[in-house]
Amino acid sequence: MAPKKDVTLVDVKKAQDAAKKVLAAHESRLKDYEARMNALETKVEAIEESHNRITKDLEDLRRQQTKVCVSLTGKDLPKRSVGEDPVKIFIQKVQEKYDIHIKHDELATVHRQSNGGLLARFIKHHIGSGYHRLVVRRGRGERNPNANLKVFANILLTRHDARLRFLAATAKRVGTILFVETLLSGKIGITVNAPGTDRKKNITINEYQDLKPYMTEEVLKEVEKANKERRRRRNGRQPDNTGSGTTQDPIINEYNDLIANSHADDSDMET
């Protein structure tokens, strides 16, 4: 067995140089991975931004379709009957409740909803039209005239806006929001106290983040209570042929419940 060779400074230097080359190669690969990850993150962010933009555009398109429709609900609406004339009933009940005359040629169609209400689609929306007078009512007593008549008119909301309306209405009942309304754009508007002043400010709600400052712990508890009650009511529902407002369609049930919860004491245009 040959004797061991003493390690010289030259050998140490060679080993160090070899180790440095290996380390440099690893560092190079790591930088390459980091560059790829940064590029992927940038792409993901761009995709998310594009997705959010498309989602908002789709929601706006849905809103364009729903904001020209008015839902008429309430226990004083006549029950569904064979051979009924929904247009006649809608015009009559709006006249009785709001003292607003809707002309036949202002309506594209009126039909029964699964919750027993009436849904009217308007084709005339200009200032002075029946639609405009119905959805824009200002002044004391104008929002809910003939309060003993339990019939309420509301701009039809998208599911997205119905959820926001439900949350805003809950916050209003708790007291973190002063006023809730549906705007002509179909979006939800709220009125709150301006911080540090005795003034009030109006806010248009586009997404949940706009409501978040007013969703206190107490509000969230009330939301959870309302959701539990909604789930309890939804269990065991049967198809509805009488206008009582029960159906097995989960999407329609959810929409009807959101509307019911957000208008528990009033209609959207009477808040």
Protein backbone atom coordinates (compact mmCIF):
# COMPACT_ATOMS: atom_id res chain seq x y z
CA MET A 1 0.00 0.00 0.00
CA ALA A 2 1.50 3.26 -1.16
CA PRO A 3 2.04 5.92 1.45
CA LYS A 4 -0.47 8.80 1.54
CA LYS A 5 0.53 11.87 -0.37
CA ASP A 6 0.73 15.02 1.66
CA VAL A 7 -1.86 17.65 0.68
CA THR A 8 -0.16 20.70 -0.67
CA LEU A 9 -1.37 24.27 -1.06
CA VAL A 10 -1.68 23.61 -4.76
CA ASP A 11 -4.10 20.77 -4.09
CA VAL A 12 -6.14 22.96 -1.77
CA LYS A 13 -6.21 25.68 -4.40
CA LYS A 14 -7.41 23.24 -7.04
CA ALA A 15 -10.16 21.95 -4.72
CA GLN A 16 -11.28 25.49 -3.95
CA ASP A 17 -11.37 26.38 -7.64
CA ALA A 18 -13.43 23.28 -8.40
CA ALA A 19 -15.85 24.05 -5.56
CA LYS A 20 -16.20 27.64 -6.78
CA LYS A 21 -17.06 26.42 -10.28
CA VAL A 22 -19.75 24.09 -8.90
CA LEU A 23 -21.15 26.88 -6.69
CA ALA A 24 -21.16 29.32 -9.61
CA ALA A 25 -23.08 26.79 -11.69
CA HIS A 26 -25.65 26.36 -8.92
CA GLU A 27 -25.98 30.14 -8.53
CA SER A 28 -26.47 30.50 -12.27
CA ARG A 29 -29.22 27.86 -12.28
CA LEU A 30 -30.84 29.51 -9.25
CA LYS A 31 -30.87 32.90 -10.96
CA ASP A 32 -32.38 31.25 -14.02
CA TYR A 33 -35.10 29.67 -11.88
CA GLU A 34 -35.78 33.01 -10.17
CA ALA A 35 -36.05 34.75 -13.53
CA ARG A 36 -38.49 32.10 -14.72
CA MET A 37 -40.54 32.37 -11.53
CA ASN A 38 -40.68 36.15 -11.82
CA ALA A 39 -41.79 35.83 -15.42
CA LEU A 40 -44.47 33.31 -14.42
CA GLU A 41 -45.66 35.54 -11.56
CA THR A 42 -45.91 38.46 -13.97
CA LYS A 43 -47.95 36.32 -16.36
CA VAL A 44 -50.21 35.10 -13.54
CA GLU A 45 -50.78 38.67 -12.37
CA ALA A 46 -51.60 39.70 -15.95
CA ILE A 47 -54.02 36.78 -16.26
CA GLU A 48 -55.68 37.65 -12.94
CA GLU A 49 -55.99 41.29 -13.99
CA SER A 50 -57.44 40.24 -17.33
CA HIS A 51 -59.83 37.82 -15.59
CA ASN A 52 -61.00 40.53 -13.18
CA ARG A 53 -61.52 42.93 -16.06
CA ILE A 54 -63.50 40.34 -18.04
CA THR A 55 -65.55 39.48 -14.94
CA LYS A 56 -66.41 43.16 -14.42
CA ASP A 57 -67.31 43.53 -18.10
CA LEU A 58 -69.57 40.47 -17.92
CA GLU A 59 -71.21 41.81 -14.77
CA ASP A 60 -71.81 45.14 -16.51
CA LEU A 61 -73.41 43.30 -19.44
CA ARG A 62 -75.68 41.40 -17.06
CA ARG A 63 -76.52 44.66 -15.33
CA GLN A 64 -77.50 46.26 -18.64
CA GLN A 65 -80.04 43.47 -19.07
CA THR A 66 -81.46 43.55 -15.54
CA LYS A 67 -81.57 47.28 -14.79
CA VAL A 68 -84.40 47.84 -17.28
CA CYS A 69 -86.55 45.31 -15.43
CA VAL A 70 -88.68 46.00 -12.36
CA SER A 71 -89.78 43.26 -10.00
CA LEU A 72 -93.09 43.71 -8.19
CA THR A 73 -93.48 41.57 -5.09
CA GLY A 74 -95.44 41.49 -1.86
CA LYS A 75 -98.19 39.58 -0.12
CA ASP A 76 -100.89 41.87 -1.51
CA LEU A 77 -100.19 40.83 -5.10
CA PRO A 78 -102.95 38.58 -6.46
CA LYS A 79 -102.07 34.91 -6.40
CA ARG A 80 -101.23 33.21 -9.67
CA SER A 81 -104.34 32.14 -11.57
CA VAL A 82 -105.16 30.46 -14.87
CA GLY A 83 -105.71 32.92 -17.69
CA GLU A 84 -104.45 35.94 -15.74
CA ASP A 85 -103.12 39.05 -17.49
CA PRO A 86 -99.74 39.89 -15.88
CA VAL A 87 -99.50 43.21 -17.73
CA LYS A 88 -102.87 44.35 -16.41
CA ILE A 89 -102.04 43.26 -12.85
CA PHE A 90 -98.67 45.03 -12.92
CA ILE A 91 -100.12 48.31 -14.20
CA GLN A 92 -103.01 48.16 -11.73
CA LYS A 93 -100.89 47.43 -8.65
CA VAL A 94 -98.28 50.08 -9.50
CA GLN A 95 -101.11 52.58 -9.88
CA GLU A 96 -102.64 51.57 -6.55
CA LYS A 97 -99.35 51.57 -4.66
CA TYR A 98 -97.40 54.45 -6.18
CA ASP A 99 -100.05 56.44 -8.07
CA ILE A 100 -97.92 56.07 -11.20
CA HIS A 101 -99.59 55.16 -14.48
CA ILE A 102 -97.61 52.79 -16.67
CA LYS A 103 -98.63 52.77 -20.33
CA HIS A 104 -98.87 49.50 -22.21
CA ASP A 105 -96.43 50.66 -24.87
CA GLU A 106 -93.76 51.24 -22.20
CA LEU A 107 -93.61 47.53 -21.43
CA ALA A 108 -91.93 44.86 -23.53
CA THR A 109 -93.28 42.03 -21.40
CA VAL A 110 -94.54 41.13 -17.92
CA HIS A 111 -94.49 37.62 -16.52
CA ARG A 112 -94.78 35.77 -13.23
CA GLN A 113 -91.62 34.91 -11.31
CA SER A 114 -91.04 31.69 -9.43
CA ASN A 115 -91.51 33.58 -6.16
CA GLY A 116 -95.02 34.62 -7.22
CA GLY A 117 -94.03 38.19 -8.06
CA LEU A 118 -94.23 39.97 -11.39
CA LEU A 119 -91.27 40.91 -13.54
CA ALA A 120 -91.70 43.72 -16.05
CA ARG A 121 -89.25 44.64 -18.77
CA PHE A 122 -89.45 48.29 -19.84
CA ILE A 123 -88.56 49.60 -23.30
CA LYS A 124 -88.83 53.30 -22.44
CA HIS A 125 -86.52 54.69 -19.76
CA HIS A 126 -86.31 58.43 -20.39
CA ILE A 127 -87.03 61.09 -17.77
CA GLY A 128 -90.78 61.36 -17.36
CA SER A 129 -91.43 57.80 -18.44
CA GLY A 130 -93.30 55.42 -16.18
CA TYR A 131 -90.08 53.51 -15.58
CA HIS A 132 -88.17 56.63 -14.50
CA ARG A 133 -90.96 57.84 -12.22
CA LEU A 134 -91.21 54.39 -10.66
CA VAL A 135 -87.52 53.84 -9.93
CA VAL A 136 -86.58 57.44 -9.02
CA ARG A 137 -88.75 58.50 -6.10
CA ARG A 138 -87.44 61.17 -3.76
CA GLY A 139 -88.97 62.93 -0.82
CA ARG A 140 -90.73 61.98 2.37
CA GLY A 141 -93.58 59.56 1.79
CA GLU A 142 -92.65 58.96 -1.85
CA ARG A 143 -90.51 55.91 -1.26
CA ASN A 144 -93.25 53.83 0.29
CA PRO A 145 -96.63 55.46 -0.27
CA ASN A 146 -99.74 53.56 0.83
CA ALA A 147 -97.63 51.63 3.33
CA ASN A 148 -100.61 49.45 4.25
CA LEU A 149 -100.52 47.98 0.73
CA LYS A 150 -97.77 45.35 0.86
CA VAL A 151 -96.53 45.63 -2.70
CA PHE A 152 -92.96 46.67 -3.51
CA ALA A 153 -91.24 47.63 -6.75
CA ASN A 154 -87.53 46.97 -7.19
CA ILE A 155 -85.06 47.22 -10.02
CA LEU A 156 -84.05 43.68 -10.86
CA LEU A 157 -80.53 42.99 -9.59
CA THR A 158 -77.84 40.65 -10.82
CA ARG A 159 -76.88 37.94 -8.33
CA HIS A 160 -73.66 39.84 -7.64
CA ASP A 161 -75.51 43.07 -6.85
CA ALA A 162 -78.22 41.21 -4.92
CA ARG A 163 -75.55 39.85 -2.57
CA LEU A 164 -74.04 43.31 -2.14
CA ARG A 165 -77.54 44.73 -1.52
CA PHE A 166 -78.19 42.09 1.13
CA LEU A 167 -74.93 42.92 2.93
CA ALA A 168 -75.54 46.66 2.70
CA ALA A 169 -79.10 46.32 3.98
CA THR A 170 -77.85 44.26 6.92
CA ALA A 171 -75.26 46.92 7.72
CA LYS A 172 -78.00 49.55 7.53
CA ARG A 173 -80.10 47.67 10.07
CA VAL A 174 -77.10 47.51 12.41
CA GLY A 175 -76.36 51.20 11.85
CA THR A 176 -72.99 51.35 10.09
CA ILE A 177 -74.71 52.52 6.88
CA LEU A 178 -77.34 55.26 6.78
CA PHE A 179 -79.08 54.62 3.47
CA VAL A 180 -79.15 52.00 0.73
CA GLU A 181 -80.56 52.33 -2.77
CA THR A 182 -80.37 50.86 -6.24
CA LEU A 183 -79.01 53.39 -8.71
CA LEU A 184 -80.23 53.82 -12.28
CA SER A 185 -77.01 52.13 -13.37
CA GLY A 186 -78.23 48.98 -11.61
CA LYS A 187 -75.45 49.23 -9.03
CA ILE A 188 -75.96 49.59 -5.30
CA GLY A 189 -75.44 52.98 -3.68
CA ILE A 190 -74.98 53.71 0.02
CA THR A 191 -74.88 56.81 2.18
CA VAL A 192 -72.56 56.94 5.20
CA ASN A 193 -71.19 59.51 7.61
CA ALA A 194 -67.97 61.11 6.33
CA PRO A 195 -65.24 60.42 8.93
CA GLY A 196 -64.21 63.43 10.98
CA THR A 197 -67.05 65.63 9.71
CA ASP A 198 -70.75 66.12 10.22
CA ARG A 199 -71.34 65.53 6.52
CA LYS A 200 -72.61 62.50 4.66
CA LYS A 201 -71.12 60.94 1.55
CA ASN A 202 -72.52 58.72 -1.16
CA ILE A 203 -70.62 55.64 -2.32
CA THR A 204 -71.27 53.43 -5.34
CA ILE A 205 -70.64 49.79 -4.50
CA ASN A 206 -68.82 47.82 -7.18
CA GLU A 207 -67.45 44.98 -5.08
CA TYR A 208 -67.25 43.70 -1.52
CA GLN A 209 -64.12 45.74 -0.77
CA ASP A 210 -66.24 48.89 -1.05
CA LEU A 211 -68.47 47.58 1.75
CA LYS A 212 -65.75 46.10 3.93
CA PRO A 213 -65.22 49.20 6.15
CA TYR A 214 -68.86 48.95 7.26
CA MET A 215 -68.94 45.17 7.82
CA THR A 216 -68.27 45.23 11.54
CA GLU A 217 -68.30 42.15 13.75
CA GLU A 218 -71.92 42.87 14.68
CA VAL A 219 -72.91 43.16 11.02
CA LEU A 220 -71.17 39.89 10.16
CA LYS A 221 -73.02 38.14 12.99
CA GLU A 222 -76.33 39.41 11.60
CA VAL A 223 -75.33 38.24 8.13
CA GLU A 224 -74.58 34.76 9.47
CA LYS A 225 -77.91 34.67 11.31
CA ALA A 226 -79.73 35.65 8.12
CA ASN A 227 -77.84 33.02 6.10
CA LYS A 228 -78.72 30.32 8.63
CA GLU A 229 -82.37 31.32 8.44
CA ARG A 230 -82.20 31.29 4.63
CA ARG A 231 -80.73 27.79 4.64
CA ARG A 232 -83.38 26.65 7.11
CA ARG A 233 -86.18 28.00 4.93
CA ARG A 234 -84.65 26.53 1.80
CA ASN A 235 -84.69 22.95 3.13
CA GLY A 236 -87.58 20.83 1.91
CA ARG A 237 -89.01 23.33 -0.54
CA GLN A 238 -91.48 22.09 -3.13
CA PRO A 239 -92.32 23.39 -6.61
CA ASP A 240 -94.50 26.48 -6.53
CA ASN A 241 -97.63 26.88 -8.64
CA THR A 242 -99.51 29.28 -6.42
CA GLY A 243 -97.21 32.27 -6.10
CA SER A 244 -96.18 31.43 -2.56
CA GLY A 245 -92.51 31.73 -3.47
CA THR A 246 -91.15 28.21 -3.07
CA THR A 247 -89.20 26.35 -5.75
CA GLN A 248 -86.63 23.59 -6.03
CA ASP A 249 -84.29 25.62 -8.26
CA PRO A 250 -81.31 26.44 -5.95
CA ILE A 251 -80.19 29.46 -7.99
CA ILE A 252 -83.66 31.00 -8.03
CA ASN A 253 -84.09 30.18 -4.34
CA GLU A 254 -80.83 31.92 -3.50
CA TYR A 255 -81.78 35.00 -5.50
CA ASN A 256 -85.26 35.18 -3.98
CA ASP A 257 -83.86 34.77 -0.47
CA LEU A 258 -81.25 37.45 -1.01
CA ILE A 259 -83.96 39.82 -2.17
CA ALA A 260 -86.23 38.86 0.72
CA ASN A 261 -83.50 39.38 3.29
CA SER A 262 -82.33 42.67 1.84
CA HIS A 263 -85.88 44.03 1.66
CA ALA A 264 -87.19 42.62 4.90
CA ASP A 265 -88.71 45.93 5.95
CA ASP A 266 -89.08 47.69 2.64
CA SER A 267 -88.40 47.49 -1.06
CA ASP A 268 -85.06 48.35 -2.59
CA MET A 269 -86.38 51.69 -3.74
CA GLU A 270 -87.98 52.38 -0.37
CA THR A 271 -84.93 51.88 1.87
